């Protein structure tokens, strides 16, 4: 196999960008696992206040703007999450680039 036929490894800048974005994605996954998934499997006896959600729900009913703001926050967070996944995917695809001058027409 000739060296011209093999894809080249991309520049270090592209590799570092991919690793940086992948690190963000892994950090986000770790936070979701630590604060959402793992507490689902723990007993609820360790909670300091068993009725902690009642004041929160009361405030959300009293101020509907807060509920809308919370929904907007979660929507923006979901869009940023999707954008981060898209950036990692594009950086992953750019890891292998075609050498210049070997494009067959």
C-alpha atoms as a PDB file:
ATOM      1  CA  UNK A   1       0.000   0.000   0.000  1.00  0.00           C
ATOM      2  CA  UNK A   2       1.377   3.351  -0.972  1.00  0.00           C
ATOM      3  CA  UNK A   3       1.688   6.114   1.607  1.00  0.00           C
ATOM      4  CA  UNK A   4      -0.426   8.410  -0.571  1.00  0.00           C
ATOM      5  CA  UNK A   5      -3.424   6.040  -0.368  1.00  0.00           C
ATOM      6  CA  UNK A   6      -3.582   6.054   3.456  1.00  0.00           C
ATOM      7  CA  UNK A   7      -5.389   8.796   5.323  1.00  0.00           C
ATOM      8  CA  UNK A   8      -3.056  11.008   7.329  1.00  0.00           C
ATOM      9  CA  UNK A   9      -3.439  11.799  10.959  1.00  0.00           C
ATOM     10  CA  UNK A  10      -4.718  15.339  11.380  1.00  0.00           C
ATOM     11  CA  UNK A  11      -2.735  18.181  12.834  1.00  0.00           C
ATOM     12  CA  UNK A  12      -2.252  18.250  16.606  1.00  0.00           C
ATOM     13  CA  UNK A  13      -4.609  21.243  16.840  1.00  0.00           C
ATOM     14  CA  UNK A  14      -7.530  19.160  15.550  1.00  0.00           C
ATOM     15  CA  UNK A  15      -6.659  16.285  17.875  1.00  0.00           C
ATOM     16  CA  UNK A  16      -6.462  18.608  20.885  1.00  0.00           C
ATOM     17  CA  UNK A  17      -9.797  20.186  19.954  1.00  0.00           C
ATOM     18  CA  UNK A  18     -11.400  16.743  19.760  1.00  0.00           C
ATOM     19  CA  UNK A  19      -9.965  15.726  23.142  1.00  0.00           C
ATOM     20  CA  UNK A  20     -11.080  19.027  24.693  1.00  0.00           C
ATOM     21  CA  UNK A  21     -14.661  18.626  23.470  1.00  0.00           C
ATOM     22  CA  UNK A  22     -14.697  14.940  24.397  1.00  0.00           C
ATOM     23  CA  UNK A  23     -13.579  15.932  27.888  1.00  0.00           C
ATOM     24  CA  UNK A  24     -16.530  18.303  28.186  1.00  0.00           C
ATOM     25  CA  UNK A  25     -18.885  15.555  27.059  1.00  0.00           C
ATOM     26  CA  UNK A  26     -17.421  13.100  29.584  1.00  0.00           C
ATOM     27  CA  UNK A  27     -17.648  15.733  32.329  1.00  0.00           C
ATOM     28  CA  UNK A  28     -21.316  16.261  31.533  1.00  0.00           C
ATOM     29  CA  UNK A  29     -21.977  12.527  31.518  1.00  0.00           C
ATOM     30  CA  UNK A  30     -20.217  12.199  34.859  1.00  0.00           C
ATOM     31  CA  UNK A  31     -22.305  14.977  36.377  1.00  0.00           C
ATOM     32  CA  UNK A  32     -25.528  13.385  35.144  1.00  0.00           C
ATOM     33  CA  UNK A  33     -24.502  10.018  36.555  1.00  0.00           C
ATOM     34  CA  UNK A  34     -23.326  11.479  39.887  1.00  0.00           C
ATOM     35  CA  UNK A  35     -26.287  13.749  40.564  1.00  0.00           C
ATOM     36  CA  UNK A  36     -29.166  11.997  38.787  1.00  0.00           C
ATOM     37  CA  UNK A  37     -28.556   8.288  38.225  1.00  0.00           C
ATOM     38  CA  UNK A  38     -26.733   7.274  41.427  1.00  0.00           C
ATOM     39  CA  UNK A  39     -29.201   9.008  43.809  1.00  0.00           C
ATOM     40  CA  UNK A  40     -32.021   7.007  42.220  1.00  0.00           C
ATOM     41  CA  UNK A  41     -30.495   3.828  43.690  1.00  0.00           C
ATOM     42  CA  UNK A  42     -29.918   5.192  47.212  1.00  0.00           C
ATOM     43  CA  UNK A  43     -32.441   4.938  49.996  1.00  0.00           C
ATOM     44  CA  UNK A  44     -34.405   8.071  50.757  1.00  0.00           C
ATOM     45  CA  UNK A  45     -33.739   7.813  54.503  1.00  0.00           C
ATOM     46  CA  UNK A  46     -30.632   9.984  54.235  1.00  0.00           C
ATOM     47  CA  UNK A  47     -32.555  13.089  53.128  1.00  0.00           C
ATOM     48  CA  UNK A  48     -32.302  15.957  55.591  1.00  0.00           C
ATOM     49  CA  UNK A  49     -35.843  17.161  54.945  1.00  0.00           C
ATOM     50  CA  UNK A  50     -38.401  14.773  53.525  1.00  0.00           C
ATOM     51  CA  UNK A  51     -40.781  17.507  52.363  1.00  0.00           C
ATOM     52  CA  UNK A  52     -38.189  19.640  50.574  1.00  0.00           C
ATOM     53  CA  UNK A  53     -40.182  19.741  47.332  1.00  0.00           C
ATOM     54  CA  UNK A  54     -43.331  21.208  48.892  1.00  0.00           C
ATOM     55  CA  UNK A  55     -41.922  24.757  49.294  1.00  0.00           C
ATOM     56  CA  UNK A  56     -40.424  24.613  45.807  1.00  0.00           C
ATOM     57  CA  UNK A  57     -43.714  23.536  44.252  1.00  0.00           C
ATOM     58  CA  UNK A  58     -45.541  26.238  46.226  1.00  0.00           C
ATOM     59  CA  UNK A  59     -43.204  28.944  44.945  1.00  0.00           C
ATOM     60  CA  UNK A  60     -43.548  27.675  41.369  1.00  0.00           C
ATOM     61  CA  UNK A  61     -47.347  27.836  41.645  1.00  0.00           C
ATOM     62  CA  UNK A  62     -47.239  31.291  43.190  1.00  0.00           C
ATOM     63  CA  UNK A  63     -44.887  32.696  40.521  1.00  0.00           C
ATOM     64  CA  UNK A  64     -45.630  31.168  37.100  1.00  0.00           C
ATOM     65  CA  UNK A  65     -42.842  33.251  35.547  1.00  0.00           C
ATOM     66  CA  UNK A  66     -40.335  31.202  37.523  1.00  0.00           C
ATOM     67  CA  UNK A  67     -41.764  28.016  36.052  1.00  0.00           C
ATOM     68  CA  UNK A  68     -41.458  29.438  32.532  1.00  0.00           C
ATOM     69  CA  UNK A  69     -37.917  30.591  33.274  1.00  0.00           C
ATOM     70  CA  UNK A  70     -37.042  27.105  34.549  1.00  0.00           C
ATOM     71  CA  UNK A  71     -38.456  25.469  31.437  1.00  0.00           C
ATOM     72  CA  UNK A  72     -36.539  27.925  29.246  1.00  0.00           C
ATOM     73  CA  UNK A  73     -33.357  27.128  31.178  1.00  0.00           C
ATOM     74  CA  UNK A  74     -33.795  23.382  30.677  1.00  0.00           C
ATOM     75  CA  UNK A  75     -34.594  23.921  26.990  1.00  0.00           C
ATOM     76  CA  UNK A  76     -31.451  25.995  26.469  1.00  0.00           C
ATOM     77  CA  UNK A  77     -29.427  23.401  28.362  1.00  0.00           C
ATOM     78  CA  UNK A  78     -30.790  20.645  26.093  1.00  0.00           C
ATOM     79  CA  UNK A  79     -29.904  22.650  22.961  1.00  0.00           C
ATOM     80  CA  UNK A  80     -26.377  23.322  24.245  1.00  0.00           C
ATOM     81  CA  UNK A  81     -26.036  19.617  25.025  1.00  0.00           C
ATOM     82  CA  UNK A  82     -27.081  18.689  21.492  1.00  0.00           C
ATOM     83  CA  UNK A  83     -24.635  21.250  20.108  1.00  0.00           C
ATOM     84  CA  UNK A  84     -21.818  19.806  22.210  1.00  0.00           C
ATOM     85  CA  UNK A  85     -22.568  16.303  20.954  1.00  0.00           C
ATOM     86  CA  UNK A  86     -22.572  17.622  17.382  1.00  0.00           C
ATOM     87  CA  UNK A  87     -19.229  19.400  17.917  1.00  0.00           C
ATOM     88  CA  UNK A  88     -17.645  16.224  19.303  1.00  0.00           C
ATOM     89  CA  UNK A  89     -18.985  14.216  16.365  1.00  0.00           C
ATOM     90  CA  UNK A  90     -17.608  16.703  13.818  1.00  0.00           C
ATOM     91  CA  UNK A  91     -14.244  16.821  15.590  1.00  0.00           C
ATOM     92  CA  UNK A  92     -14.167  13.011  15.563  1.00  0.00           C
ATOM     93  CA  UNK A  93     -14.869  12.933  11.821  1.00  0.00           C
ATOM     94  CA  UNK A  94     -12.086  15.487  11.218  1.00  0.00           C
ATOM     95  CA  UNK A  95      -9.469  13.356  12.974  1.00  0.00           C
ATOM     96  CA  UNK A  96      -8.727  11.548   9.743  1.00  0.00           C
ATOM     97  CA  UNK A  97      -8.253  13.790   6.745  1.00  0.00           C
ATOM     98  CA  UNK A  98      -7.524  12.980   3.156  1.00  0.00           C
ATOM     99  CA  UNK A  99      -3.981  13.911   2.020  1.00  0.00           C
ATOM    100  CA  UNK A 100      -3.885  16.835  -0.368  1.00  0.00           C
ATOM    101  CA  UNK A 101      -3.446  16.001  -4.015  1.00  0.00           C
ATOM    102  CA  UNK A 102      -5.035  12.539  -3.814  1.00  0.00           C
ATOM    103  CA  UNK A 103      -8.623  13.563  -4.542  1.00  0.00           C
ATOM    104  CA  UNK A 104      -9.869  11.435  -7.443  1.00  0.00           C
ATOM    105  CA  UNK A 105     -12.254  13.162  -9.785  1.00  0.00           C
END
